[in-house]
């Protein structure tokens, strides 16, 4: 348990926001048609 907690704390300290995620996806374009209910 202690090792898992240590790993999670270590990982969270080094977390970075995802950049360049799905850059080629059509949903990221502003002209993508929205389908709202």
N, C-alpha and C. Protein backbone atom coordinates (compact mmCIF):
# COMPACT_ATOMS: atom_id res chain seq x y z
N UNK A 1 0.83 -1.19 0.00
CA UNK A 1 0.00 0.00 0.00
C UNK A 1 0.87 1.25 0.00
N UNK A 2 1.92 1.24 0.79
CA UNK A 2 2.79 2.42 0.87
C UNK A 2 3.49 2.65 -0.47
N UNK A 3 3.91 1.59 -1.12
CA UNK A 3 4.60 1.74 -2.40
C UNK A 3 3.65 2.30 -3.46
N UNK A 4 2.42 1.84 -3.45
CA UNK A 4 1.43 2.35 -4.41
C UNK A 4 1.15 3.83 -4.15
N UNK A 5 0.98 4.20 -2.90
CA UNK A 5 0.75 5.60 -2.55
C UNK A 5 1.93 6.47 -2.95
N UNK A 6 3.15 5.97 -2.73
CA UNK A 6 4.35 6.71 -3.12
C UNK A 6 4.40 6.91 -4.62
N UNK A 7 4.05 5.87 -5.37
CA UNK A 7 4.07 5.98 -6.83
C UNK A 7 3.04 7.00 -7.31
N UNK A 8 1.85 6.96 -6.75
CA UNK A 8 0.79 7.89 -7.17
C UNK A 8 1.21 9.32 -6.88
N UNK A 9 1.78 9.57 -5.70
CA UNK A 9 2.25 10.92 -5.38
C UNK A 9 3.36 11.35 -6.33
N UNK A 10 4.29 10.44 -6.64
CA UNK A 10 5.38 10.73 -7.56
C UNK A 10 4.84 11.05 -8.96
N UNK A 11 3.88 10.25 -9.40
CA UNK A 11 3.30 10.44 -10.73
C UNK A 11 2.53 11.75 -10.81
N UNK A 12 1.76 12.08 -9.80
CA UNK A 12 0.97 13.30 -9.81
C UNK A 12 1.85 14.54 -9.79
N UNK A 13 2.98 14.48 -9.14
CA UNK A 13 3.89 15.62 -9.11
C UNK A 13 4.48 15.89 -10.48
N UNK A 14 4.59 14.87 -11.31
CA UNK A 14 5.19 15.01 -12.63
C UNK A 14 4.15 15.07 -13.75
N UNK A 15 2.89 15.15 -13.39
CA UNK A 15 1.82 15.16 -14.39
C UNK A 15 1.87 16.45 -15.20
N UNK A 16 1.65 16.33 -16.47
CA UNK A 16 1.61 17.48 -17.37
C UNK A 16 0.33 17.39 -18.18
N UNK A 17 -0.24 18.54 -18.54
CA UNK A 17 -1.45 18.50 -19.37
C UNK A 17 -1.14 17.92 -20.75
N UNK A 18 -2.10 17.23 -21.30
CA UNK A 18 -1.91 16.66 -22.63
C UNK A 18 -1.92 17.79 -23.65
N UNK A 19 -0.92 17.81 -24.49
CA UNK A 19 -0.87 18.81 -25.56
C UNK A 19 -0.77 18.07 -26.88
N UNK A 20 -1.40 18.60 -27.88
CA UNK A 20 -1.36 17.95 -29.18
C UNK A 20 -2.17 16.67 -29.22
N UNK A 21 -3.20 16.59 -28.38
CA UNK A 21 -4.01 15.38 -28.31
C UNK A 21 -5.02 15.37 -29.45
N UNK A 22 -5.00 14.36 -30.28
CA UNK A 22 -5.93 14.18 -31.40
C UNK A 22 -5.91 15.39 -32.33
N UNK A 23 -4.73 15.82 -32.72
CA UNK A 23 -4.62 17.01 -33.56
C UNK A 23 -5.24 16.80 -34.94
N UNK A 24 -5.25 15.59 -35.44
CA UNK A 24 -5.81 15.34 -36.76
C UNK A 24 -7.29 14.99 -36.74
N UNK A 25 -7.91 15.01 -35.58
CA UNK A 25 -9.31 14.62 -35.47
C UNK A 25 -10.22 15.68 -36.05
N UNK A 26 -11.25 15.25 -36.76
CA UNK A 26 -12.19 16.21 -37.37
C UNK A 26 -13.04 16.92 -36.33
N UNK A 27 -13.19 16.35 -35.16
CA UNK A 27 -14.02 16.98 -34.13
C UNK A 27 -13.35 18.24 -33.57
N UNK A 28 -12.05 18.39 -33.78
CA UNK A 28 -11.35 19.56 -33.26
C UNK A 28 -11.45 20.76 -34.18
N UNK A 29 -12.05 20.62 -35.34
CA UNK A 29 -12.19 21.74 -36.26
C UNK A 29 -13.44 22.55 -35.90
N UNK A 30 -13.37 23.87 -36.03
CA UNK A 30 -14.51 24.70 -35.62
C UNK A 30 -15.76 24.50 -36.48
N UNK A 31 -15.63 23.95 -37.69
CA UNK A 31 -16.80 23.75 -38.54
C UNK A 31 -17.44 22.37 -38.34
N UNK A 32 -17.03 21.65 -37.32
CA UNK A 32 -17.61 20.32 -37.04
C UNK A 32 -19.07 20.49 -36.60
N UNK A 33 -19.99 19.78 -37.24
CA UNK A 33 -21.42 19.95 -36.86
C UNK A 33 -21.72 19.38 -35.50
N UNK A 34 -22.29 20.21 -34.64
CA UNK A 34 -22.64 19.77 -33.28
C UNK A 34 -23.99 19.06 -33.31
N UNK A 35 -24.07 18.01 -32.55
CA UNK A 35 -25.32 17.25 -32.44
C UNK A 35 -25.75 17.29 -30.98
N UNK A 36 -26.51 18.31 -30.64
CA UNK A 36 -26.99 18.45 -29.26
C UNK A 36 -28.41 17.95 -29.16
N UNK A 37 -28.70 17.30 -28.07
CA UNK A 37 -30.05 16.79 -27.87
C UNK A 37 -30.94 17.85 -27.25
